[in-house]
PDB file of N, CA and C in Angstrom:
ATOM      1  N   UNK A   1     -13.220 -39.393-148.403  1.00  0.00           N
ATOM      2  CA  UNK A   1     -14.089 -39.448-149.625  1.00  0.00           C
ATOM      3  C   UNK A   1     -14.646 -38.246-149.923  1.00  0.00           C
ATOM      4  N   UNK A   2     -14.414 -37.792-151.259  1.00  0.00           N
ATOM      5  CA  UNK A   2     -15.080 -36.721-151.676  1.00  0.00           C
ATOM      6  C   UNK A   2     -16.435 -36.885-152.246  1.00  0.00           C
ATOM      7  N   UNK A   3     -17.510 -36.304-151.746  1.00  0.00           N
ATOM      8  CA  UNK A   3     -18.785 -36.432-152.221  1.00  0.00           C
ATOM      9  C   UNK A   3     -19.058 -35.068-153.028  1.00  0.00           C
ATOM     10  N   UNK A   4     -19.880 -35.427-154.027  1.00  0.00           N
ATOM     11  CA  UNK A   4     -20.420 -34.385-154.945  1.00  0.00           C
ATOM     12  C   UNK A   4     -21.630 -33.750-154.224  1.00  0.00           C
ATOM     13  N   UNK A   5     -21.721 -32.211-154.154  1.00  0.00           N
ATOM     14  CA  UNK A   5     -22.954 -31.859-153.478  1.00  0.00           C
ATOM     15  C   UNK A   5     -24.140 -32.241-154.251  1.00  0.00           C
ATOM     16  N   UNK A   6     -25.174 -32.477-153.514  1.00  0.00           N
ATOM     17  CA  UNK A   6     -26.447 -33.107-154.177  1.00  0.00           C
ATOM     18  C   UNK A   6     -27.131 -31.935-154.702  1.00  0.00           C
ATOM     19  N   UNK A   7     -27.705 -32.098-155.988  1.00  0.00           N
ATOM     20  CA  UNK A   7     -28.536 -31.164-156.560  1.00  0.00           C
ATOM     21  C   UNK A   7     -29.964 -31.338-156.286  1.00  0.00           C
ATOM     22  N   UNK A   8     -30.785 -30.292-155.923  1.00  0.00           N
ATOM     23  CA  UNK A   8     -32.000 -30.308-155.569  1.00  0.00           C
ATOM     24  C   UNK A   8     -32.821 -29.403-156.526  1.00  0.00           C
ATOM     25  N   UNK A   9     -33.964 -29.786-157.079  1.00  0.00           N
ATOM     26  CA  UNK A   9     -34.702 -29.206-157.910  1.00  0.00           C
ATOM     27  C   UNK A   9     -35.939 -28.709-157.006  1.00  0.00           C
ATOM     28  N   UNK A  10     -36.124 -27.570-156.985  1.00  0.00           N
ATOM     29  CA  UNK A  10     -37.063 -26.645-156.185  1.00  0.00           C
ATOM     30  C   UNK A  10     -37.978 -26.062-157.061  1.00  0.00           C
ATOM     31  N   UNK A  11     -39.437 -26.372-156.793  1.00  0.00           N
ATOM     32  CA  UNK A  11     -40.420 -25.615-157.494  1.00  0.00           C
ATOM     33  C   UNK A  11     -41.133 -24.591-156.668  1.00  0.00           C
ATOM     34  N   UNK A  12     -41.618 -23.500-157.263  1.00  0.00           N
ATOM     35  CA  UNK A  12     -42.351 -22.564-156.375  1.00  0.00           C
ATOM     36  C   UNK A  12     -43.739 -22.273-157.277  1.00  0.00           C
ATOM     37  N   UNK A  13     -44.733 -22.373-156.390  1.00  0.00           N
ATOM     38  CA  UNK A  13     -46.186 -22.202-157.023  1.00  0.00           C
ATOM     39  C   UNK A  13     -46.340 -20.709-157.299  1.00  0.00           C
ATOM     40  N   UNK A  14     -47.272 -20.489-158.130  1.00  0.00           N
ATOM     41  CA  UNK A  14     -47.701 -19.200-158.500  1.00  0.00           C
ATOM     42  C   UNK A  14     -47.916 -18.138-157.402  1.00  0.00           C
ATOM     43  N   UNK A  15     -48.821 -18.669-156.439  1.00  0.00           N
ATOM     44  CA  UNK A  15     -49.097 -17.900-155.270  1.00  0.00           C
ATOM     45  C   UNK A  15     -47.905 -17.547-154.456  1.00  0.00           C
ATOM     46  N   UNK A  16     -47.068 -18.602-154.294  1.00  0.00           N
ATOM     47  CA  UNK A  16     -45.820 -18.236-153.492  1.00  0.00           C
ATOM     48  C   UNK A  16     -44.856 -17.320-154.112  1.00  0.00           C
ATOM     49  N   UNK A  17     -44.766 -17.291-155.435  1.00  0.00           N
ATOM     50  CA  UNK A  17     -43.958 -16.594-156.129  1.00  0.00           C
ATOM     51  C   UNK A  17     -44.194 -15.195-156.024  1.00  0.00           C
ATOM     52  N   UNK A  18     -45.314 -14.793-155.772  1.00  0.00           N
ATOM     53  CA  UNK A  18     -45.772 -13.344-155.457  1.00  0.00           C
ATOM     54  C   UNK A  18     -45.070 -12.882-154.193  1.00  0.00           C
ATOM     55  N   UNK A  19     -44.870 -13.746-153.227  1.00  0.00           N
ATOM     56  CA  UNK A  19     -44.218 -13.141-152.177  1.00  0.00           C
ATOM     57  C   UNK A  19     -45.198 -12.677-151.118  1.00  0.00           C
ATOM     58  N   UNK A  20     -44.776 -12.254-149.890  1.00  0.00           N
ATOM     59  CA  UNK A  20     -45.503 -11.602-148.883  1.00  0.00           C
ATOM     60  C   UNK A  20     -44.767 -10.558-148.388  1.00  0.00           C
ATOM     61  N   UNK A  21     -45.302  -9.405-148.302  1.00  0.00           N
ATOM     62  CA  UNK A  21     -44.609  -8.152-147.695  1.00  0.00           C
ATOM     63  C   UNK A  21     -44.778  -8.293-146.129  1.00  0.00           C
ATOM     64  N   UNK A  22     -43.789  -8.063-145.535  1.00  0.00           N
ATOM     65  CA  UNK A  22     -43.601  -7.997-144.021  1.00  0.00           C
ATOM     66  C   UNK A  22     -42.826  -6.972-143.514  1.00  0.00           C
ATOM     67  N   UNK A  23     -43.070  -6.237-142.599  1.00  0.00           N
ATOM     68  CA  UNK A  23     -42.170  -5.287-141.902  1.00  0.00           C
ATOM     69  C   UNK A  23     -42.270  -5.472-140.380  1.00  0.00           C
ATOM     70  N   UNK A  24     -42.494  -6.648-139.934  1.00  0.00           N
ATOM     71  CA  UNK A  24     -42.615  -7.021-138.559  1.00  0.00           C
ATOM     72  C   UNK A  24     -42.342  -8.550-138.431  1.00  0.00           C
ATOM     73  N   UNK A  25     -41.355  -9.025-137.744  1.00  0.00           N
ATOM     74  CA  UNK A  25     -41.100 -10.466-137.445  1.00  0.00           C
ATOM     75  C   UNK A  25     -41.133 -10.575-135.910  1.00  0.00           C
ATOM     76  N   UNK A  26     -41.902 -11.654-135.468  1.00  0.00           N
ATOM     77  CA  UNK A  26     -42.098 -11.989-134.102  1.00  0.00           C
ATOM     78  C   UNK A  26     -41.265 -13.307-133.944  1.00  0.00           C
ATOM     79  N   UNK A  27     -40.371 -13.578-133.149  1.00  0.00           N
ATOM     80  CA  UNK A  27     -39.502 -14.549-133.126  1.00  0.00           C
ATOM     81  C   UNK A  27     -39.599 -15.044-131.661  1.00  0.00           C
ATOM     82  N   UNK A  28     -39.918 -16.471-131.562  1.00  0.00           N
ATOM     83  CA  UNK A  28     -39.853 -17.080-130.222  1.00  0.00           C
ATOM     84  C   UNK A  28     -39.078 -18.345-130.419  1.00  0.00           C
ATOM     85  N   UNK A  29     -38.898 -19.043-129.382  1.00  0.00           N
ATOM     86  CA  UNK A  29     -38.213 -20.232-129.458  1.00  0.00           C
ATOM     87  C   UNK A  29     -38.366 -21.254-128.201  1.00  0.00           C
ATOM     88  N   UNK A  30     -38.184 -22.469-128.529  1.00  0.00           N
ATOM     89  CA  UNK A  30     -38.260 -23.583-127.517  1.00  0.00           C
ATOM     90  C   UNK A  30     -36.834 -24.229-127.632  1.00  0.00           C
ATOM     91  N   UNK A  31     -36.595 -25.340-126.819  1.00  0.00           N
ATOM     92  CA  UNK A  31     -35.280 -25.960-126.990  1.00  0.00           C
ATOM     93  C   UNK A  31     -35.213 -26.663-128.250  1.00  0.00           C
ATOM     94  N   UNK A  32     -36.356 -26.989-128.966  1.00  0.00           N
ATOM     95  CA  UNK A  32     -36.283 -27.818-130.150  1.00  0.00           C
ATOM     96  C   UNK A  32     -36.642 -26.971-131.425  1.00  0.00           C
ATOM     97  N   UNK A  33     -37.282 -25.778-131.247  1.00  0.00           N
ATOM     98  CA  UNK A  33     -37.458 -24.957-132.567  1.00  0.00           C
ATOM     99  C   UNK A  33     -37.506 -23.532-132.244  1.00  0.00           C
ATOM    100  N   UNK A  34     -37.202 -22.952-133.569  1.00  0.00           N
ATOM    101  CA  UNK A  34     -37.411 -21.468-133.603  1.00  0.00           C
ATOM    102  C   UNK A  34     -38.606 -21.341-134.601  1.00  0.00           C
ATOM    103  N   UNK A  35     -39.454 -20.316-134.030  1.00  0.00           N
ATOM    104  CA  UNK A  35     -40.653 -19.896-134.719  1.00  0.00           C
ATOM    105  C   UNK A  35     -40.653 -18.439-135.139  1.00  0.00           C
ATOM    106  N   UNK A  36     -40.831 -18.097-136.303  1.00  0.00           N
ATOM    107  CA  UNK A  36     -40.681 -16.725-136.896  1.00  0.00           C
ATOM    108  C   UNK A  36     -42.033 -16.627-137.447  1.00  0.00           C
ATOM    109  N   UNK A  37     -42.726 -15.630-136.970  1.00  0.00           N
ATOM    110  CA  UNK A  37     -44.054 -15.064-137.481  1.00  0.00           C
ATOM    111  C   UNK A  37     -43.841 -13.747-138.250  1.00  0.00           C
ATOM    112  N   UNK A  38     -44.242 -13.672-139.612  1.00  0.00           N
ATOM    113  CA  UNK A  38     -44.112 -12.457-140.361  1.00  0.00           C
ATOM    114  C   UNK A  38     -45.408 -11.721-140.369  1.00  0.00           C
ATOM    115  N   UNK A  39     -45.503 -10.611-140.042  1.00  0.00           N
ATOM    116  CA  UNK A  39     -46.658  -9.688-140.011  1.00  0.00           C
ATOM    117  C   UNK A  39     -46.243  -8.367-140.838  1.00  0.00           C
ATOM    118  N   UNK A  40     -47.268  -7.599-140.860  1.00  0.00           N
ATOM    119  CA  UNK A  40     -47.176  -6.190-141.324  1.00  0.00           C
ATOM    120  C   UNK A  40     -47.879  -5.292-140.508  1.00  0.00           C
ATOM    121  N   UNK A  41     -47.227  -4.222-140.321  1.00  0.00           N
ATOM    122  CA  UNK A  41     -47.886  -3.160-139.300  1.00  0.00           C
ATOM    123  C   UNK A  41     -48.073  -1.953-140.342  1.00  0.00           C
ATOM    124  N   UNK A  42     -49.335  -1.367-140.571  1.00  0.00           N
ATOM    125  CA  UNK A  42     -49.481  -0.193-141.479  1.00  0.00           C
ATOM    126  C   UNK A  42     -49.860   1.007-140.591  1.00  0.00           C
ATOM    127  N   UNK A  43     -49.369   2.178-140.985  1.00  0.00           N
ATOM    128  CA  UNK A  43     -49.573   3.379-140.254  1.00  0.00           C
ATOM    129  C   UNK A  43     -51.137   3.659-140.023  1.00  0.00           C
ATOM    130  N   UNK A  44     -51.458   4.043-138.737  1.00  0.00           N
ATOM    131  CA  UNK A  44     -52.810   4.397-138.474  1.00  0.00           C
ATOM    132  C   UNK A  44     -53.775   3.278-138.190  1.00  0.00           C
ATOM    133  N   UNK A  45     -53.184   1.952-138.381  1.00  0.00           N
ATOM    134  CA  UNK A  45     -54.148   0.770-138.334  1.00  0.00           C
ATOM    135  C   UNK A  45     -53.612   0.083-136.881  1.00  0.00           C
ATOM    136  N   UNK A  46     -54.553  -0.144-136.036  1.00  0.00           N
ATOM    137  CA  UNK A  46     -54.261  -0.645-134.800  1.00  0.00           C
ATOM    138  C   UNK A  46     -54.199  -1.998-134.747  1.00  0.00           C
ATOM    139  N   UNK A  47     -54.731  -2.757-135.898  1.00  0.00           N
ATOM    140  CA  UNK A  47     -54.603  -4.310-135.892  1.00  0.00           C
ATOM    141  C   UNK A  47     -53.683  -4.809-136.936  1.00  0.00           C
ATOM    142  N   UNK A  48     -53.031  -6.048-136.560  1.00  0.00           N
ATOM    143  CA  UNK A  48     -52.210  -6.525-137.562  1.00  0.00           C
ATOM    144  C   UNK A  48     -52.438  -8.148-137.591  1.00  0.00           C
ATOM    145  N   UNK A  49     -51.926  -8.768-138.561  1.00  0.00           N
ATOM    146  CA  UNK A  49     -52.087 -10.228-138.532  1.00  0.00           C
ATOM    147  C   UNK A  49     -50.816 -10.877-139.181  1.00  0.00           C
ATOM    148  N   UNK A  50     -50.557 -12.126-138.730  1.00  0.00           N
ATOM    149  CA  UNK A  50     -49.564 -12.921-139.153  1.00  0.00           C
ATOM    150  C   UNK A  50     -49.916 -13.356-140.579  1.00  0.00           C
ATOM    151  N   UNK A  51     -48.988 -13.214-141.399  1.00  0.00           N
ATOM    152  CA  UNK A  51     -49.264 -13.694-142.956  1.00  0.00           C
ATOM    153  C   UNK A  51     -48.593 -14.916-143.274  1.00  0.00           C
ATOM    154  N   UNK A  52     -47.460 -15.207-142.515  1.00  0.00           N
ATOM    155  CA  UNK A  52     -46.589 -16.485-142.551  1.00  0.00           C
ATOM    156  C   UNK A  52     -46.118 -16.775-141.349  1.00  0.00           C
ATOM    157  N   UNK A  53     -45.906 -18.151-140.977  1.00  0.00           N
ATOM    158  CA  UNK A  53     -45.134 -18.631-139.844  1.00  0.00           C
ATOM    159  C   UNK A  53     -44.120 -19.736-140.504  1.00  0.00           C
ATOM    160  N   UNK A  54     -42.914 -19.498-139.998  1.00  0.00           N
ATOM    161  CA  UNK A  54     -41.841 -20.469-140.423  1.00  0.00           C
ATOM    162  C   UNK A  54     -41.446 -20.989-139.059  1.00  0.00           C
ATOM    163  N   UNK A  55     -41.427 -22.404-139.085  1.00  0.00           N
ATOM    164  CA  UNK A  55     -40.953 -23.317-137.896  1.00  0.00           C
ATOM    165  C   UNK A  55     -39.672 -23.933-138.349  1.00  0.00           C
ATOM    166  N   UNK A  56     -38.592 -23.832-137.625  1.00  0.00           N
ATOM    167  CA  UNK A  56     -37.416 -24.499-137.924  1.00  0.00           C
ATOM    168  C   UNK A  56     -36.533 -24.971-136.934  1.00  0.00           C
ATOM    169  N   UNK A  57     -35.531 -25.861-136.977  1.00  0.00           N
ATOM    170  CA  UNK A  57     -34.711 -26.175-135.913  1.00  0.00           C
ATOM    171  C   UNK A  57     -33.695 -25.131-135.570  1.00  0.00           C
ATOM    172  N   UNK A  58     -33.049 -25.030-134.502  1.00  0.00           N
ATOM    173  CA  UNK A  58     -32.127 -23.999-133.965  1.00  0.00           C
ATOM    174  C   UNK A  58     -30.919 -24.065-135.176  1.00  0.00           C
ATOM    175  N   UNK A  59     -30.559 -25.298-135.449  1.00  0.00           N
ATOM    176  CA  UNK A  59     -29.413 -25.413-136.538  1.00  0.00           C
ATOM    177  C   UNK A  59     -29.674 -24.736-137.902  1.00  0.00           C
ATOM    178  N   UNK A  60     -31.015 -25.005-138.264  1.00  0.00           N
ATOM    179  CA  UNK A  60     -31.380 -24.334-139.601  1.00  0.00           C
ATOM    180  C   UNK A  60     -31.511 -22.911-139.300  1.00  0.00           C
ATOM    181  N   UNK A  61     -32.115 -22.430-138.173  1.00  0.00           N
ATOM    182  CA  UNK A  61     -32.151 -20.967-137.988  1.00  0.00           C
ATOM    183  C   UNK A  61     -30.758 -20.227-137.995  1.00  0.00           C
ATOM    184  N   UNK A  62     -29.770 -20.983-137.564  1.00  0.00           N
ATOM    185  CA  UNK A  62     -28.415 -20.442-137.465  1.00  0.00           C
ATOM    186  C   UNK A  62     -27.906 -20.427-139.107  1.00  0.00           C
ATOM    187  N   UNK A  63     -28.200 -21.429-139.674  1.00  0.00           N
ATOM    188  CA  UNK A  63     -27.715 -21.433-141.212  1.00  0.00           C
ATOM    189  C   UNK A  63     -28.384 -20.372-141.867  1.00  0.00           C
ATOM    190  N   UNK A  64     -29.693 -19.986-141.490  1.00  0.00           N
ATOM    191  CA  UNK A  64     -30.529 -19.003-142.143  1.00  0.00           C
ATOM    192  C   UNK A  64     -29.896 -17.727-141.963  1.00  0.00           C
ATOM    193  N   UNK A  65     -29.569 -17.501-140.614  1.00  0.00           N
ATOM    194  CA  UNK A  65     -28.845 -16.295-140.094  1.00  0.00           C
ATOM    195  C   UNK A  65     -27.521 -16.022-140.832  1.00  0.00           C
ATOM    196  N   UNK A  66     -26.715 -17.137-140.869  1.00  0.00           N
ATOM    197  CA  UNK A  66     -25.329 -16.779-141.707  1.00  0.00           C
ATOM    198  C   UNK A  66     -25.758 -16.505-143.005  1.00  0.00           C
ATOM    199  N   UNK A  67     -26.649 -17.156-143.930  1.00  0.00           N
ATOM    200  CA  UNK A  67     -26.871 -16.954-145.193  1.00  0.00           C
ATOM    201  C   UNK A  67     -27.482 -15.405-145.335  1.00  0.00           C
ATOM    202  N   UNK A  68     -28.440 -15.075-144.436  1.00  0.00           N
ATOM    203  CA  UNK A  68     -28.969 -13.425-144.412  1.00  0.00           C
ATOM    204  C   UNK A  68     -27.699 -12.732-144.346  1.00  0.00           C
ATOM    205  N   UNK A  69     -26.738 -12.872-143.355  1.00  0.00           N
ATOM    206  CA  UNK A  69     -25.587 -11.919-143.137  1.00  0.00           C
ATOM    207  C   UNK A  69     -24.895 -11.937-144.400  1.00  0.00           C
ATOM    208  N   UNK A  70     -24.550 -13.106-145.074  1.00  0.00           N
ATOM    209  CA  UNK A  70     -23.708 -13.169-146.183  1.00  0.00           C
ATOM    210  C   UNK A  70     -24.468 -12.257-147.294  1.00  0.00           C
ATOM    211  N   UNK A  71     -25.678 -12.474-147.436  1.00  0.00           N
ATOM    212  CA  UNK A  71     -26.305 -11.825-148.559  1.00  0.00           C
ATOM    213  C   UNK A  71     -26.539 -10.328-148.336  1.00  0.00           C
ATOM    214  N   UNK A  72     -26.641  -9.882-147.135  1.00  0.00           N
ATOM    215  CA  UNK A  72     -26.593  -8.521-146.618  1.00  0.00           C
ATOM    216  C   UNK A  72     -25.428  -7.774-147.032  1.00  0.00           C
ATOM    217  N   UNK A  73     -24.221  -8.581-146.846  1.00  0.00           N
ATOM    218  CA  UNK A  73     -23.001  -7.978-146.868  1.00  0.00           C
ATOM    219  C   UNK A  73     -22.553  -7.744-148.430  1.00  0.00           C
ATOM    220  N   UNK A  74     -23.242  -8.751-149.289  1.00  0.00           N
ATOM    221  CA  UNK A  74     -23.086  -8.847-150.648  1.00  0.00           C
ATOM    222  C   UNK A  74     -23.998  -7.577-151.247  1.00  0.00           C
ATOM    223  N   UNK A  75     -25.149  -7.329-150.601  1.00  0.00           N
ATOM    224  CA  UNK A  75     -26.192  -6.346-151.075  1.00  0.00           C
ATOM    225  C   UNK A  75     -25.415  -4.867-150.713  1.00  0.00           C
ATOM    226  N   UNK A  76     -24.771  -4.907-149.502  1.00  0.00           N
ATOM    227  CA  UNK A  76     -24.244  -3.539-149.301  1.00  0.00           C
ATOM    228  C   UNK A  76     -23.126  -3.228-150.228  1.00  0.00           C
ATOM    229  N   UNK A  77     -22.410  -4.296-150.507  1.00  0.00           N
ATOM    230  CA  UNK A  77     -21.089  -3.940-151.346  1.00  0.00           C
ATOM    231  C   UNK A  77     -21.467  -3.481-152.614  1.00  0.00           C
ATOM    232  N   UNK A  78     -22.685  -3.860-153.195  1.00  0.00           N
ATOM    233  CA  UNK A  78     -23.080  -3.512-154.310  1.00  0.00           C
ATOM    234  C   UNK A  78     -24.073  -2.227-154.464  1.00  0.00           C
ATOM    235  N   UNK A  79     -24.839  -2.176-153.239  1.00  0.00           N
ATOM    236  CA  UNK A  79     -25.666  -0.955-153.275  1.00  0.00           C
ATOM    237  C   UNK A  79     -25.462   0.162-152.187  1.00  0.00           C
ATOM    238  N   UNK A  80     -24.512  -0.095-151.343  1.00  0.00           N
ATOM    239  CA  UNK A  80     -24.192   0.865-150.210  1.00  0.00           C
ATOM    240  C   UNK A  80     -24.837   0.308-148.900  1.00  0.00           C
ATOM    241  N   UNK A  81     -24.438   0.971-147.968  1.00  0.00           N
ATOM    242  CA  UNK A  81     -24.991   0.555-146.452  1.00  0.00           C
ATOM    243  C   UNK A  81     -26.438   0.879-146.392  1.00  0.00           C
ATOM    244  N   UNK A  82     -26.917  -0.130-145.734  1.00  0.00           N
ATOM    245  CA  UNK A  82     -28.460  -0.120-145.417  1.00  0.00           C
ATOM    246  C   UNK A  82     -28.461   0.856-144.153  1.00  0.00           C
ATOM    247  N   UNK A  83     -29.361   1.739-144.022  1.00  0.00           N
ATOM    248  CA  UNK A  83     -29.268   2.626-142.868  1.00  0.00           C
ATOM    249  C   UNK A  83     -30.748   2.254-142.217  1.00  0.00           C
ATOM    250  N   UNK A  84     -30.680   2.126-140.965  1.00  0.00           N
ATOM    251  CA  UNK A  84     -31.856   1.814-140.149  1.00  0.00           C
ATOM    252  C   UNK A  84     -32.312   3.136-139.398  1.00  0.00           C
ATOM    253  N   UNK A  85     -32.999   3.942-140.027  1.00  0.00           N
ATOM    254  CA  UNK A  85     -33.334   5.218-139.550  1.00  0.00           C
ATOM    255  C   UNK A  85     -34.796   5.089-138.897  1.00  0.00           C
ATOM    256  N   UNK A  86     -34.936   5.691-137.647  1.00  0.00           N
ATOM    257  CA  UNK A  86     -36.381   5.724-137.209  1.00  0.00           C
ATOM    258  C   UNK A  86     -36.908   4.649-136.570  1.00  0.00           C
ATOM    259  N   UNK A  87     -36.106   3.326-136.781  1.00  0.00           N
ATOM    260  CA  UNK A  87     -36.755   2.165-136.060  1.00  0.00           C
ATOM    261  C   UNK A  87     -36.936   2.278-134.643  1.00  0.00           C
ATOM    262  N   UNK A  88     -35.993   2.832-134.010  1.00  0.00           N
ATOM    263  CA  UNK A  88     -36.134   2.925-132.374  1.00  0.00           C
ATOM    264  C   UNK A  88     -37.175   3.810-132.104  1.00  0.00           C
ATOM    265  N   UNK A  89     -37.296   5.091-132.808  1.00  0.00           N
ATOM    266  CA  UNK A  89     -38.367   5.915-132.403  1.00  0.00           C
ATOM    267  C   UNK A  89     -39.783   5.460-132.616  1.00  0.00           C
ATOM    268  N   UNK A  90     -39.988   4.896-133.540  1.00  0.00           N
ATOM    269  CA  UNK A  90     -41.378   4.352-134.015  1.00  0.00           C
ATOM    270  C   UNK A  90     -41.641   3.063-133.160  1.00  0.00           C
ATOM    271  N   UNK A  91     -40.673   2.335-132.799  1.00  0.00           N
ATOM    272  CA  UNK A  91     -40.900   0.889-132.136  1.00  0.00           C
ATOM    273  C   UNK A  91     -41.637   0.063-133.081  1.00  0.00           C
ATOM    274  N   UNK A  92     -41.495   0.031-134.425  1.00  0.00           N
ATOM    275  CA  UNK A  92     -42.065  -0.933-135.238  1.00  0.00           C
ATOM    276  C   UNK A  92     -41.047  -1.505-136.115  1.00  0.00           C
ATOM    277  N   UNK A  93     -41.288  -2.579-136.643  1.00  0.00           N
ATOM    278  CA  UNK A  93     -40.356  -3.190-137.592  1.00  0.00           C
ATOM    279  C   UNK A  93     -39.726  -4.635-136.898  1.00  0.00           C
ATOM    280  N   UNK A  94     -38.657  -5.188-137.544  1.00  0.00           N
ATOM    281  CA  UNK A  94     -38.231  -6.270-137.044  1.00  0.00           C
ATOM    282  C   UNK A  94     -37.410  -6.173-135.685  1.00  0.00           C
ATOM    283  N   UNK A  95     -37.796  -6.732-134.815  1.00  0.00           N
ATOM    284  CA  UNK A  95     -37.027  -6.642-133.435  1.00  0.00           C
ATOM    285  C   UNK A  95     -37.332  -8.027-132.425  1.00  0.00           C
ATOM    286  N   UNK A  96     -36.588  -7.986-131.513  1.00  0.00           N
ATOM    287  CA  UNK A  96     -36.827  -9.099-130.668  1.00  0.00           C
ATOM    288  C   UNK A  96     -37.882  -8.706-129.507  1.00  0.00           C
ATOM    289  N   UNK A  97     -38.827  -9.546-129.245  1.00  0.00           N
ATOM    290  CA  UNK A  97     -39.803  -9.399-128.251  1.00  0.00           C
ATOM    291  C   UNK A  97     -38.895  -9.352-126.758  1.00  0.00           C
ATOM    292  N   UNK A  98     -39.567  -8.728-125.713  1.00  0.00           N
ATOM    293  CA  UNK A  98     -38.889  -8.731-124.598  1.00  0.00           C
ATOM    294  C   UNK A  98     -38.614 -10.236-123.868  1.00  0.00           C
ATOM    295  N   UNK A  99     -39.622 -10.979-123.955  1.00  0.00           N
ATOM    296  CA  UNK A  99     -39.550 -12.258-123.393  1.00  0.00           C
ATOM    297  C   UNK A  99     -39.718 -13.199-124.679  1.00  0.00           C
ATOM    298  N   UNK A 100     -38.475 -13.696-125.319  1.00  0.00           N
ATOM    299  CA  UNK A 100     -38.595 -14.505-126.374  1.00  0.00           C
ATOM    300  C   UNK A 100     -38.776 -15.980-126.196  1.00  0.00           C
ATOM    301  N   UNK A 101     -38.842 -16.264-124.901  1.00  0.00           N
ATOM    302  CA  UNK A 101     -38.864 -17.777-124.507  1.00  0.00           C
ATOM    303  C   UNK A 101     -40.408 -18.132-124.596  1.00  0.00           C
ATOM    304  N   UNK A 102     -41.299 -17.205-124.630  1.00  0.00           N
ATOM    305  CA  UNK A 102     -42.759 -17.641-124.537  1.00  0.00           C
ATOM    306  C   UNK A 102     -43.127 -18.081-125.953  1.00  0.00           C
ATOM    307  N   UNK A 103     -43.831 -19.373-125.994  1.00  0.00           N
ATOM    308  CA  UNK A 103     -44.217 -19.983-127.357  1.00  0.00           C
ATOM    309  C   UNK A 103     -45.645 -19.335-127.638  1.00  0.00           C
ATOM    310  N   UNK A 104     -45.985 -18.936-128.873  1.00  0.00           N
ATOM    311  CA  UNK A 104     -47.265 -18.515-129.311  1.00  0.00           C
ATOM    312  C   UNK A 104     -48.447 -19.430-129.111  1.00  0.00           C
TER     313      UNK A 104
END
């Protein structure tokens, strides 16, 4: 039986439509969920804070991973390869914590 894809209307509030800048993601997991905290680190500032926390199932996290991978490939085919310069030396940015099984 062929089913039509369900259409979903999604609304976005004015505050959410502005977005949140993040240059640091902290990711932890349990057997039931993946938690991604989005923060930003600014040069010369010793303190940071989490601006958004996303909690999702491992299956939804995998779907997000595939969607990001697909979109990054499309981005690079249109605008060129994304270069990750200086991330390792500065030790800032999106990266895996050493012990990602600890819950926040």
